[in-house]
C-alpha atoms as a PDB file:
ATOM      1  CA  MET A   1      83.518 112.289  66.091  1.00  0.00           C
ATOM      2  CA  SER A   2      84.812 109.465  68.285  1.00  0.00           C
ATOM      3  CA  GLU A   3      83.102 106.109  67.964  1.00  0.00           C
ATOM      4  CA  VAL A   4      80.845 105.058  70.846  1.00  0.00           C
ATOM      5  CA  VAL A   5      82.060 101.631  72.011  1.00  0.00           C
ATOM      6  CA  LEU A   6      79.997 101.175  75.182  1.00  0.00           C
ATOM      7  CA  ALA A   7      76.725 102.888  76.066  1.00  0.00           C
ATOM      8  CA  PHE A   8      73.834 102.364  78.467  1.00  0.00           C
ATOM      9  CA  ASP A   9      70.352 103.868  78.402  1.00  0.00           C
ATOM     10  CA  GLN A  10      68.485 104.735  81.594  1.00  0.00           C
ATOM     11  CA  LEU A  11      70.641 102.417  83.696  1.00  0.00           C
ATOM     12  CA  THR A  12      69.756 101.927  87.370  1.00  0.00           C
ATOM     13  CA  ILE A  13      72.210 100.095  89.599  1.00  0.00           C
ATOM     14  CA  GLY A  14      72.464  99.089  93.233  1.00  0.00           C
ATOM     15  CA  TYR A  15      71.581  96.139  95.431  1.00  0.00           C
ATOM     16  CA  PRO A  16      68.259  94.263  95.288  1.00  0.00           C
ATOM     17  CA  HIS A  17      66.247  93.781  98.461  1.00  0.00           C
ATOM     18  CA  SER A  18      62.955  92.035  99.132  1.00  0.00           C
ATOM     19  CA  LYS A  19      61.348  95.194 100.483  1.00  0.00           C
ATOM     20  CA  SER A  20      63.145  98.078  98.847  1.00  0.00           C
ATOM     21  CA  PRO A  21      66.333  97.972  96.706  1.00  0.00           C
ATOM     22  CA  LYS A  22      69.287 100.157  97.589  1.00  0.00           C
ATOM     23  CA  ILE A  23      69.718 102.404  94.572  1.00  0.00           C
ATOM     24  CA  LEU A  24      73.170 103.882  93.949  1.00  0.00           C
ATOM     25  CA  PHE A  25      72.661 105.367  90.465  1.00  0.00           C
ATOM     26  CA  GLU A  26      69.278 105.883  88.845  1.00  0.00           C
ATOM     27  CA  HIS A  27      68.338 106.417  85.189  1.00  0.00           C
ATOM     28  CA  ILE A  28      71.854 107.242  84.042  1.00  0.00           C
ATOM     29  CA  SER A  29      73.094 106.878  80.464  1.00  0.00           C
ATOM     30  CA  PRO A  30      76.905 106.565  80.574  1.00  0.00           C
ATOM     31  CA  VAL A  31      78.803 106.522  77.289  1.00  0.00           C
ATOM     32  CA  LEU A  32      82.398 105.532  76.562  1.00  0.00           C
ATOM     33  CA  LYS A  33      84.051 106.550  73.289  1.00  0.00           C
ATOM     34  CA  ALA A  34      87.116 105.187  71.543  1.00  0.00           C
ATOM     35  CA  GLY A  35      90.269 107.206  72.115  1.00  0.00           C
ATOM     36  CA  GLU A  36      89.118 108.802  75.374  1.00  0.00           C
ATOM     37  CA  LEU A  37      90.402 108.492  78.934  1.00  0.00           C
ATOM     38  CA  VAL A  38      87.514 109.015  81.343  1.00  0.00           C
ATOM     39  CA  CYS A  39      88.122 109.558  85.057  1.00  0.00           C
ATOM     40  CA  PHE A  40      85.234 108.656  87.379  1.00  0.00           C
ATOM     41  CA  MET A  41      85.202 110.525  90.701  1.00  0.00           C
ATOM     42  CA  GLY A  42      83.018 110.775  93.763  1.00  0.00           C
ATOM     43  CA  PRO A  43      83.044 110.324  97.551  1.00  0.00           C
ATOM     44  CA  ASN A  44      83.797 106.933  99.091  1.00  0.00           C
ATOM     45  CA  GLY A  45      80.811 104.597  99.218  1.00  0.00           C
ATOM     46  CA  ILE A  46      78.932 106.399  96.454  1.00  0.00           C
ATOM     47  CA  GLY A  47      78.883 103.324  94.202  1.00  0.00           C
ATOM     48  CA  LYS A  48      81.776 103.759  91.778  1.00  0.00           C
ATOM     49  CA  SER A  49      82.956 100.145  92.048  1.00  0.00           C
ATOM     50  CA  THR A  50      79.398  98.846  91.711  1.00  0.00           C
ATOM     51  CA  LEU A  51      78.885 100.846  88.528  1.00  0.00           C
ATOM     52  CA  LEU A  52      82.093  99.472  87.000  1.00  0.00           C
ATOM     53  CA  LYS A  53      81.111  95.895  87.881  1.00  0.00           C
ATOM     54  CA  THR A  54      77.646  96.410  86.402  1.00  0.00           C
ATOM     55  CA  MET A  55      79.092  97.884  83.218  1.00  0.00           C
ATOM     56  CA  ALA A  56      81.369  94.841  82.926  1.00  0.00           C
ATOM     57  CA  GLY A  57      78.468  92.430  83.428  1.00  0.00           C
ATOM     58  CA  LEU A  58      79.757  91.167  86.794  1.00  0.00           C
ATOM     59  CA  MET A  59      76.646  92.429  88.601  1.00  0.00           C
ATOM     60  CA  PRO A  60      73.052  92.633  87.367  1.00  0.00           C
ATOM     61  CA  ALA A  61      71.521  96.059  86.902  1.00  0.00           C
ATOM     62  CA  LEU A  62      68.310  97.035  88.697  1.00  0.00           C
ATOM     63  CA  SER A  63      66.900  98.330  85.416  1.00  0.00           C
ATOM     64  CA  LYS A  64      64.138  96.213  83.865  1.00  0.00           C
ATOM     65  CA  GLN A  65      66.016  96.145  80.576  1.00  0.00           C
ATOM     66  CA  GLN A  66      69.383  94.481  81.127  1.00  0.00           C
ATOM     67  CA  PRO A  67      72.339  95.687  78.990  1.00  0.00           C
ATOM     68  CA  VAL A  68      73.666  93.216  76.442  1.00  0.00           C
ATOM     69  CA  LEU A  69      77.419  92.974  76.817  1.00  0.00           C
ATOM     70  CA  ASP A  70      80.149  91.130  74.968  1.00  0.00           C
ATOM     71  CA  PRO A  71      82.687  90.142  77.675  1.00  0.00           C
ATOM     72  CA  GLN A  72      85.426  89.892  75.039  1.00  0.00           C
ATOM     73  CA  LYS A  73      85.134  93.632  74.503  1.00  0.00           C
ATOM     74  CA  ILE A  74      85.714  94.601  78.141  1.00  0.00           C
ATOM     75  CA  ALA A  75      88.710  94.168  80.444  1.00  0.00           C
ATOM     76  CA  ILE A  76      88.311  95.139  84.088  1.00  0.00           C
ATOM     77  CA  VAL A  77      90.815  95.648  86.907  1.00  0.00           C
ATOM     78  CA  LEU A  78      89.317  95.566  90.404  1.00  0.00           C
ATOM     79  CA  THR A  79      90.834  96.281  93.802  1.00  0.00           C
ATOM     80  CA  ASP A  80      90.465  92.672  95.041  1.00  0.00           C
ATOM     81  CA  ARG A  81      93.835  91.101  95.813  1.00  0.00           C
ATOM     82  CA  VAL A  82      94.671  87.890  93.953  1.00  0.00           C
ATOM     83  CA  HIS A  83      95.853  84.952  96.069  1.00  0.00           C
ATOM     84  CA  ALA A  84      97.373  82.000  94.221  1.00  0.00           C
ATOM     85  CA  MET A  85     100.212  79.812  95.380  1.00  0.00           C
ATOM     86  CA  HIS A  86     103.280  79.657  93.136  1.00  0.00           C
ATOM     87  CA  LEU A  87     101.696  81.688  90.311  1.00  0.00           C
ATOM     88  CA  THR A  88     104.291  83.906  88.688  1.00  0.00           C
ATOM     89  CA  VAL A  89     103.845  87.423  87.349  1.00  0.00           C
ATOM     90  CA  ARG A  90     104.147  86.236  83.757  1.00  0.00           C
ATOM     91  CA  SER A  91     101.624  83.434  84.321  1.00  0.00           C
ATOM     92  CA  LEU A  92      99.061  85.809  85.804  1.00  0.00           C
ATOM     93  CA  ILE A  93      99.447  88.247  82.915  1.00  0.00           C
ATOM     94  CA  ALA A  94      99.114  85.333  80.471  1.00  0.00           C
ATOM     95  CA  TYR A  95      95.566  84.702  81.725  1.00  0.00           C
ATOM     96  CA  GLY A  96      94.607  87.845  79.836  1.00  0.00           C
ATOM     97  CA  ARG A  97      95.334  85.997  76.560  1.00  0.00           C
ATOM     98  CA  TYR A  98      93.115  82.983  77.287  1.00  0.00           C
ATOM     99  CA  PRO A  99      90.120  84.270  75.261  1.00  0.00           C
ATOM    100  CA  TYR A 100      92.361  83.946  72.181  1.00  0.00           C
ATOM    101  CA  VAL A 101      94.064  80.576  72.746  1.00  0.00           C
ATOM    102  CA  ASN A 102      93.035  77.126  71.460  1.00  0.00           C
ATOM    103  CA  TRP A 103      91.360  74.394  73.527  1.00  0.00           C
ATOM    104  CA  LYS A 104      94.761  73.218  74.781  1.00  0.00           C
ATOM    105  CA  ALA A 105      95.512  76.757  76.077  1.00  0.00           C
ATOM    106  CA  ASP A 106      98.726  76.944  74.046  1.00  0.00           C
ATOM    107  CA  LEU A 107     100.206  80.429  73.830  1.00  0.00           C
ATOM    108  CA  SER A 108     101.192  81.483  70.321  1.00  0.00           C
ATOM    109  CA  SER A 109     104.110  83.726  69.412  1.00  0.00           C
ATOM    110  CA  LYS A 110     101.594  86.589  69.115  1.00  0.00           C
ATOM    111  CA  ASP A 111     100.346  85.886  72.649  1.00  0.00           C
ATOM    112  CA  ASN A 112     103.889  85.844  74.026  1.00  0.00           C
ATOM    113  CA  GLU A 113     104.701  89.069  72.201  1.00  0.00           C
ATOM    114  CA  ALA A 114     101.670  90.716  73.803  1.00  0.00           C
ATOM    115  CA  ILE A 115     102.760  89.483  77.236  1.00  0.00           C
ATOM    116  CA  ASP A 116     106.337  90.714  76.703  1.00  0.00           C
ATOM    117  CA  HIS A 117     105.041  94.091  75.563  1.00  0.00           C
ATOM    118  CA  ALA A 118     102.835  94.454  78.649  1.00  0.00           C
ATOM    119  CA  LEU A 119     105.737  93.501  80.928  1.00  0.00           C
ATOM    120  CA  THR A 120     107.893  96.153  79.278  1.00  0.00           C
ATOM    121  CA  LEU A 121     105.176  98.793  79.274  1.00  0.00           C
ATOM    122  CA  MET A 122     104.549  98.386  83.015  1.00  0.00           C
ATOM    123  CA  HIS A 123     108.289  97.957  83.820  1.00  0.00           C
ATOM    124  CA  LEU A 124     107.764  94.463  85.177  1.00  0.00           C
ATOM    125  CA  GLU A 125     110.490  92.587  83.253  1.00  0.00           C
ATOM    126  CA  ALA A 126     112.584  92.047  86.385  1.00  0.00           C
ATOM    127  CA  LEU A 127     109.574  90.594  88.212  1.00  0.00           C
ATOM    128  CA  ALA A 128     108.370  88.286  85.424  1.00  0.00           C
ATOM    129  CA  ASP A 129     109.375  85.054  87.226  1.00  0.00           C
ATOM    130  CA  LYS A 130     108.551  86.246  90.732  1.00  0.00           C
ATOM    131  CA  GLU A 131     105.605  84.649  92.546  1.00  0.00           C
ATOM    132  CA  ILE A 132     102.727  87.062  93.021  1.00  0.00           C
ATOM    133  CA  ASN A 133     102.410  86.241  96.730  1.00  0.00           C
ATOM    134  CA  ASN A 134     105.785  87.925  97.184  1.00  0.00           C
ATOM    135  CA  LEU A 135     104.747  91.186  95.525  1.00  0.00           C
ATOM    136  CA  SER A 136     103.845  94.428  97.233  1.00  0.00           C
ATOM    137  CA  ASP A 137     100.344  95.825  96.762  1.00  0.00           C
ATOM    138  CA  GLY A 138     101.701  98.374  94.314  1.00  0.00           C
ATOM    139  CA  GLN A 139     103.577  95.782  92.264  1.00  0.00           C
ATOM    140  CA  LEU A 140     100.534  93.510  92.105  1.00  0.00           C
ATOM    141  CA  GLN A 141      98.413  96.412  90.917  1.00  0.00           C
ATOM    142  CA  MET A 142     100.830  96.981  88.040  1.00  0.00           C
ATOM    143  CA  VAL A 143     100.585  93.269  87.164  1.00  0.00           C
ATOM    144  CA  MET A 144      96.786  93.389  87.102  1.00  0.00           C
ATOM    145  CA  ILE A 145      96.888  96.389  84.778  1.00  0.00           C
ATOM    146  CA  ALA A 146      99.299  94.481  82.526  1.00  0.00           C
ATOM    147  CA  ARG A 147      96.886  91.521  82.460  1.00  0.00           C
ATOM    148  CA  ALA A 148      94.088  93.840  81.331  1.00  0.00           C
ATOM    149  CA  LEU A 149      96.322  95.306  78.623  1.00  0.00           C
ATOM    150  CA  VAL A 150      97.108  91.917  77.052  1.00  0.00           C
ATOM    151  CA  GLN A 151      93.394  91.181  76.709  1.00  0.00           C
ATOM    152  CA  ASP A 152      93.487  93.772  73.915  1.00  0.00           C
ATOM    153  CA  THR A 153      89.862  94.813  74.377  1.00  0.00           C
ATOM    154  CA  PRO A 154      88.377  98.061  73.042  1.00  0.00           C
ATOM    155  CA  VAL A 155      87.151  98.916  76.566  1.00  0.00           C
ATOM    156  CA  ILE A 156      89.215  98.883  79.775  1.00  0.00           C
ATOM    157  CA  LEU A 157      87.614  99.579  83.172  1.00  0.00           C
ATOM    158  CA  LEU A 158      89.903 100.179  86.146  1.00  0.00           C
ATOM    159  CA  ASP A 159      88.859 100.608  89.773  1.00  0.00           C
ATOM    160  CA  GLU A 160      91.388 102.743  91.680  1.00  0.00           C
ATOM    161  CA  PRO A 161      94.371 101.502  89.637  1.00  0.00           C
ATOM    162  CA  THR A 162      96.826 103.889  91.324  1.00  0.00           C
ATOM    163  CA  ALA A 163      95.639 103.437  94.915  1.00  0.00           C
ATOM    164  CA  HIS A 164      98.762 101.579  96.135  1.00  0.00           C
ATOM    165  CA  LEU A 165     101.337 103.366  94.011  1.00  0.00           C
ATOM    166  CA  ASP A 166     103.750 106.143  94.910  1.00  0.00           C
ATOM    167  CA  LEU A 167     103.492 109.530  93.205  1.00  0.00           C
ATOM    168  CA  ASN A 168     105.970 108.719  90.435  1.00  0.00           C
ATOM    169  CA  ASN A 169     104.226 105.455  89.513  1.00  0.00           C
ATOM    170  CA  ARG A 170     100.758 107.025  89.795  1.00  0.00           C
ATOM    171  CA  LEU A 171     101.798 109.586  87.224  1.00  0.00           C
ATOM    172  CA  GLU A 172     103.409 106.973  84.995  1.00  0.00           C
ATOM    173  CA  VAL A 173     100.374 104.649  85.034  1.00  0.00           C
ATOM    174  CA  THR A 174      98.038 107.547  84.291  1.00  0.00           C
ATOM    175  CA  ASN A 175     100.194 108.633  81.347  1.00  0.00           C
ATOM    176  CA  ILE A 176     100.351 105.045  80.037  1.00  0.00           C
ATOM    177  CA  LEU A 177      96.558 104.778  80.113  1.00  0.00           C
ATOM    178  CA  ARG A 178      96.180 108.149  78.413  1.00  0.00           C
ATOM    179  CA  LYS A 179      98.637 107.124  75.699  1.00  0.00           C
ATOM    180  CA  LEU A 180      96.858 103.782  75.171  1.00  0.00           C
ATOM    181  CA  ALA A 181      93.518 105.514  74.781  1.00  0.00           C
ATOM    182  CA  ARG A 182      94.913 107.930  72.218  1.00  0.00           C
ATOM    183  CA  GLU A 183      97.282 105.695  70.239  1.00  0.00           C
ATOM    184  CA  LYS A 184      95.365 102.388  70.398  1.00  0.00           C
ATOM    185  CA  ASN A 185      91.934 104.033  70.155  1.00  0.00           C
ATOM    186  CA  LYS A 186      90.680 102.400  73.343  1.00  0.00           C
ATOM    187  CA  ALA A 187      87.918 103.592  75.658  1.00  0.00           C
ATOM    188  CA  ILE A 188      89.391 103.655  79.171  1.00  0.00           C
ATOM    189  CA  LEU A 189      87.391 104.380  82.320  1.00  0.00           C
ATOM    190  CA  VAL A 190      89.294 104.911  85.577  1.00  0.00           C
ATOM    191  CA  SER A 191      87.667 105.213  88.985  1.00  0.00           C
ATOM    192  CA  THR A 192      90.023 107.410  90.989  1.00  0.00           C
ATOM    193  CA  HIS A 193      90.546 109.827  93.873  1.00  0.00           C
ATOM    194  CA  GLU A 194      93.565 111.404  92.168  1.00  0.00           C
ATOM    195  CA  LEU A 195      91.950 114.789  91.527  1.00  0.00           C
ATOM    196  CA  ASP A 196      95.143 116.534  90.450  1.00  0.00           C
ATOM    197  CA  LEU A 197      95.986 113.848  87.874  1.00  0.00           C
ATOM    198  CA  ALA A 198      92.403 113.584  86.649  1.00  0.00           C
ATOM    199  CA  LEU A 199      92.135 117.312  86.018  1.00  0.00           C
ATOM    200  CA  GLN A 200      95.327 117.325  83.964  1.00  0.00           C
ATOM    201  CA  THR A 201      94.978 114.079  82.016  1.00  0.00           C
ATOM    202  CA  ALA A 202      91.316 113.075  81.602  1.00  0.00           C
ATOM    203  CA  ASP A 203      89.475 113.775  78.367  1.00  0.00           C
ATOM    204  CA  ILE A 204      86.168 113.461  80.229  1.00  0.00           C
ATOM    205  CA  LEU A 205      85.221 113.455  83.918  1.00  0.00           C
ATOM    206  CA  TRP A 206      82.313 111.548  85.405  1.00  0.00           C
ATOM    207  CA  LEU A 207      81.155 112.946  88.744  1.00  0.00           C
ATOM    208  CA  ALA A 208      78.871 110.963  91.049  1.00  0.00           C
ATOM    209  CA  ASP A 209      76.146 113.386  92.140  1.00  0.00           C
ATOM    210  CA  ASP A 210      73.242 112.110  94.274  1.00  0.00           C
ATOM    211  CA  LYS A 211      72.426 108.983  92.221  1.00  0.00           C
ATOM    212  CA  LYS A 212      73.100 110.897  89.012  1.00  0.00           C
ATOM    213  CA  LEU A 213      76.148 111.224  86.799  1.00  0.00           C
ATOM    214  CA  LEU A 214      77.565 114.594  85.750  1.00  0.00           C
ATOM    215  CA  THR A 215      79.853 114.413  82.729  1.00  0.00           C
ATOM    216  CA  GLY A 216      82.018 116.934  80.913  1.00  0.00           C
ATOM    217  CA  ILE A 217      85.563 118.034  80.270  1.00  0.00           C
ATOM    218  CA  PRO A 218      87.509 118.817  83.475  1.00  0.00           C
ATOM    219  CA  GLU A 219      87.765 122.554  82.835  1.00  0.00           C
ATOM    220  CA  ASP A 220      84.004 123.022  82.435  1.00  0.00           C
ATOM    221  CA  LEU A 221      83.275 121.125  85.650  1.00  0.00           C
ATOM    222  CA  VAL A 222      85.769 123.303  87.521  1.00  0.00           C
ATOM    223  CA  LEU A 223      84.476 126.578  86.119  1.00  0.00           C
ATOM    224  CA  ASP A 224      80.777 125.825  86.617  1.00  0.00           C
ATOM    225  CA  GLY A 225      81.361 124.927  90.282  1.00  0.00           C
ATOM    226  CA  SER A 226      80.359 121.254  89.996  1.00  0.00           C
ATOM    227  CA  LEU A 227      83.582 119.921  91.546  1.00  0.00           C
ATOM    228  CA  ASP A 228      83.429 122.412  94.422  1.00  0.00           C
ATOM    229  CA  ARG A 229      79.796 121.561  95.119  1.00  0.00           C
ATOM    230  CA  ILE A 230      80.241 117.796  95.074  1.00  0.00           C
ATOM    231  CA  PHE A 231      83.493 117.528  97.007  1.00  0.00           C
ATOM    232  CA  GLN A 232      83.084 120.597  99.257  1.00  0.00           C
ATOM    233  CA  PHE A 233      86.814 121.238  99.408  1.00  0.00           C
ATOM    234  CA  LYS A 234      88.127 122.425 102.739  1.00  0.00           C
ATOM    235  CA  GLY A 235      91.189 124.650 102.525  1.00  0.00           C
ATOM    236  CA  PHE A 236      91.835 123.941  98.845  1.00  0.00           C
ATOM    237  CA  ASP A 237      91.392 126.426  96.011  1.00  0.00           C
ATOM    238  CA  LEU A 238      90.389 124.336  93.004  1.00  0.00           C
ATOM    239  CA  LYS A 239      90.755 127.204  90.546  1.00  0.00           C
ATOM    240  CA  THR A 240      94.441 127.695  91.395  1.00  0.00           C
ATOM    241  CA  GLY A 241      95.172 124.121  92.458  1.00  0.00           C
ATOM    242  CA  LYS A 242      96.702 125.326  95.733  1.00  0.00           C
ATOM    243  CA  VAL A 243      96.023 124.954  99.444  1.00  0.00           C
ATOM    244  CA  PHE A 244      94.693 128.114 101.116  1.00  0.00           C
ATOM    245  CA  HIS A 245      97.383 129.801 103.253  1.00  0.00           C
ATOM    246  CA  GLU A 246      96.540 132.117 106.132  1.00  0.00           C
ATOM    247  CA  VAL A 247      98.310 135.477 106.050  1.00  0.00           C
ATOM    248  CA  TYR A 248      99.725 136.109 109.527  1.00  0.00           C
ATOM    249  CA  ARG A 249     102.848 138.197 108.842  1.00  0.00           C
ATOM    250  CA  LYS A 250     102.735 141.962 109.020  1.00  0.00           C
ATOM    251  CA  GLN A 251     105.028 142.594 106.051  1.00  0.00           C
ATOM    252  CA  LYS A 252     103.687 142.395 102.511  1.00  0.00           C
ATOM    253  CA  ILE A 253     106.207 141.202  99.921  1.00  0.00           C
ATOM    254  CA  LYS A 254     106.625 142.803  96.494  1.00  0.00           C
ATOM    255  CA  LEU A 255     107.951 139.884  94.454  1.00  0.00           C
ATOM    256  CA  LEU A 256     109.693 140.350  91.116  1.00  0.00           C
ATOM    257  CA  GLY A 257     110.733 137.439  88.956  1.00  0.00           C
ATOM    258  CA  GLU A 258     109.692 134.933  86.330  1.00  0.00           C
ATOM    259  CA  GLY A 259     109.359 131.243  85.565  1.00  0.00           C
ATOM    260  CA  HIS A 260     109.419 128.380  88.041  1.00  0.00           C
ATOM    261  CA  ILE A 261     111.775 130.277  90.389  1.00  0.00           C
ATOM    262  CA  TYR A 262     109.099 132.947  90.830  1.00  0.00           C
ATOM    263  CA  LEU A 263     106.339 130.370  91.370  1.00  0.00           C
ATOM    264  CA  TRP A 264     108.201 128.372  94.002  1.00  0.00           C
ATOM    265  CA  THR A 265     109.363 131.528  95.767  1.00  0.00           C
ATOM    266  CA  LYS A 266     105.770 132.746  95.929  1.00  0.00           C
ATOM    267  CA  ASN A 267     104.693 129.350  97.248  1.00  0.00           C
ATOM    268  CA  ALA A 268     107.340 129.427 100.018  1.00  0.00           C
ATOM    269  CA  LEU A 269     106.409 132.961 101.075  1.00  0.00           C
ATOM    270  CA  GLU A 270     102.673 132.265 101.166  1.00  0.00           C
ATOM    271  CA  ARG A 271     103.214 128.988 103.041  1.00  0.00           C
ATOM    272  CA  CYS A 272     105.111 130.991 105.660  1.00  0.00           C
ATOM    273  CA  GLY A 273     102.261 133.486 106.091  1.00  0.00           C
ATOM    274  CA  TYR A 274     103.339 136.388 103.864  1.00  0.00           C
ATOM    275  CA  GLU A 275     101.045 138.256 101.508  1.00  0.00           C
ATOM    276  CA  VAL A 276     102.667 138.449  98.074  1.00  0.00           C
ATOM    277  CA  GLY A 277     101.781 140.955  95.355  1.00  0.00           C
ATOM    278  CA  LEU A 278     102.992 143.635  92.957  1.00  0.00           C
ATOM    279  CA  GLU A 279     103.203 146.136  95.797  1.00  0.00           C
ATOM    280  CA  GLY A 280     104.627 145.628  99.253  1.00  0.00           C
ATOM    281  CA  ASP A 281     106.692 146.731 102.223  1.00  0.00           C
ATOM    282  CA  ILE A 282     109.692 144.663 101.130  1.00  0.00           C
ATOM    283  CA  GLU A 283     110.943 144.195  97.559  1.00  0.00           C
ATOM    284  CA  LEU A 284     112.295 140.797  96.662  1.00  0.00           C
ATOM    285  CA  LYS A 285     113.836 139.741  93.339  1.00  0.00           C
ATOM    286  CA  ALA A 286     113.934 136.093  92.256  1.00  0.00           C
ATOM    287  CA  PHE A 287     116.034 135.348  89.156  1.00  0.00           C
ATOM    288  CA  ASP A 288     118.341 132.505  88.048  1.00  0.00           C
ATOM    289  CA  HIS A 289     118.383 130.619  91.387  1.00  0.00           C
ATOM    290  CA  THR A 290     119.423 133.796  93.174  1.00  0.00           C
ATOM    291  CA  TRP A 291     117.325 135.959  95.467  1.00  0.00           C
ATOM    292  CA  GLU A 292     118.020 139.607  96.240  1.00  0.00           C
ATOM    293  CA  ILE A 293     116.508 141.390  99.218  1.00  0.00           C
ATOM    294  CA  GLU A 294     117.562 144.772 100.586  1.00  0.00           C
ATOM    295  CA  ASN A 295     120.661 144.764  98.324  1.00  0.00           C
ATOM    296  CA  THR A 296     121.732 141.392  99.720  1.00  0.00           C
ATOM    297  CA  GLN A 297     121.893 138.219  97.634  1.00  0.00           C
ATOM    298  CA  VAL A 298     121.184 134.712  98.940  1.00  0.00           C
ATOM    299  CA  SER A 299     121.423 131.391  97.101  1.00  0.00           C
ATOM    300  CA  LYS A 300     118.799 129.379  98.994  1.00  0.00           C
ATOM    301  CA  LEU A 301     115.181 130.046  99.792  1.00  0.00           C
ATOM    302  CA  GLN A 302     115.720 128.792 103.316  1.00  0.00           C
ATOM    303  CA  ASP A 303     118.309 131.520 103.900  1.00  0.00           C
ATOM    304  CA  LEU A 304     115.918 134.083 102.439  1.00  0.00           C
ATOM    305  CA  LEU A 305     113.150 133.056 104.826  1.00  0.00           C
ATOM    306  CA  LYS A 306     115.541 133.247 107.773  1.00  0.00           C
ATOM    307  CA  LYS A 307     116.510 136.785 106.748  1.00  0.00           C
ATOM    308  CA  LEU A 308     112.848 137.830 106.519  1.00  0.00           C
ATOM    309  CA  ASN A 309     112.137 136.417 109.957  1.00  0.00           C
END
C-alpha cells in the first residue's frame, strides 16, 4: 500500500466571523498518499483554494484541533501573480531552494543542478535570464511550478496550475506531474477544472459536494453518477466523453470502418445531424483515409459531407 504522507481528521475550514463562521468544508478527512496524483474538482467558489491553503498551513482551520504541519514537507503553487522588479526566471525558481541553503544563502552545486533540472523539465531554459514582469501568464505559471519542483518536498499542492496554458501545455504539465508522482514517489494534489485531463490522468479524484468531500478513482465516480450529479452537465455525455448532437437529418447512415478513421467519420456525421449505426438508408465505408459512398470514392470528409447534403 502507498504511504500516507499528509492526512487530516475531521477538518473544518472556512472563514471565521464574530456571529457565525462561513463553513466551506465540514468534518472532512482528506488523505494524500505517496506516488499518487489527485485531482480536486468542484464548482467555482466552493472553497477549493481555501482548502489547499489550509492544508499548507497558510490559513487556520475552523476545527478546534489544528493540524500540525511541517512546512518543509509541502510546496504550494497558488494563482496569485508574482510582481517583482528585475527578478529573473532563474532567480525566482532559486527561491525554492532557500530552505536548504546556509545562512549566507549560497547556492551549492546540488541546488544549481536542481534549478537546471526544473528549467529543463518545464522547458524554460530559453527564458532563464528573462525578467518575470515580461512573462505571459502561462509562462509565469510554468515558472511557479518549477519553483515548487525544486523545493523537493514529498507533497506538492497546486491551485489551477494549467489555467493560463494552451491545450498542448496543459497536457504536458499534467503528464509531468503524473510522472513526478509515480517516479519520485510524491503526493501531488491539483485543483483543476480540466475534467477531460483529470479523468484520464488522476489516480484519485476529490469532488467538492455540499461541504463534504467525495473521493475515489475517476471511473467509479463516473459510473456511480457522482460527477453527473455534482456538475449537472448540460449537453455533455460523461460516459462517452462527447457533446450531445441533435439528429435533424432524415437519412440514417450505415457506417463501416475501423480505427481512428471510423471514429472521426462518425463524429463528423453526428455533428452534422446524422444518425449513425449498423443499419441505415445510406451505406458508407471509411478505410485508409478514403471514403466510399454509393460506389463513389472521396479523399476528404468535407467532400463526403457535401455529397451527402
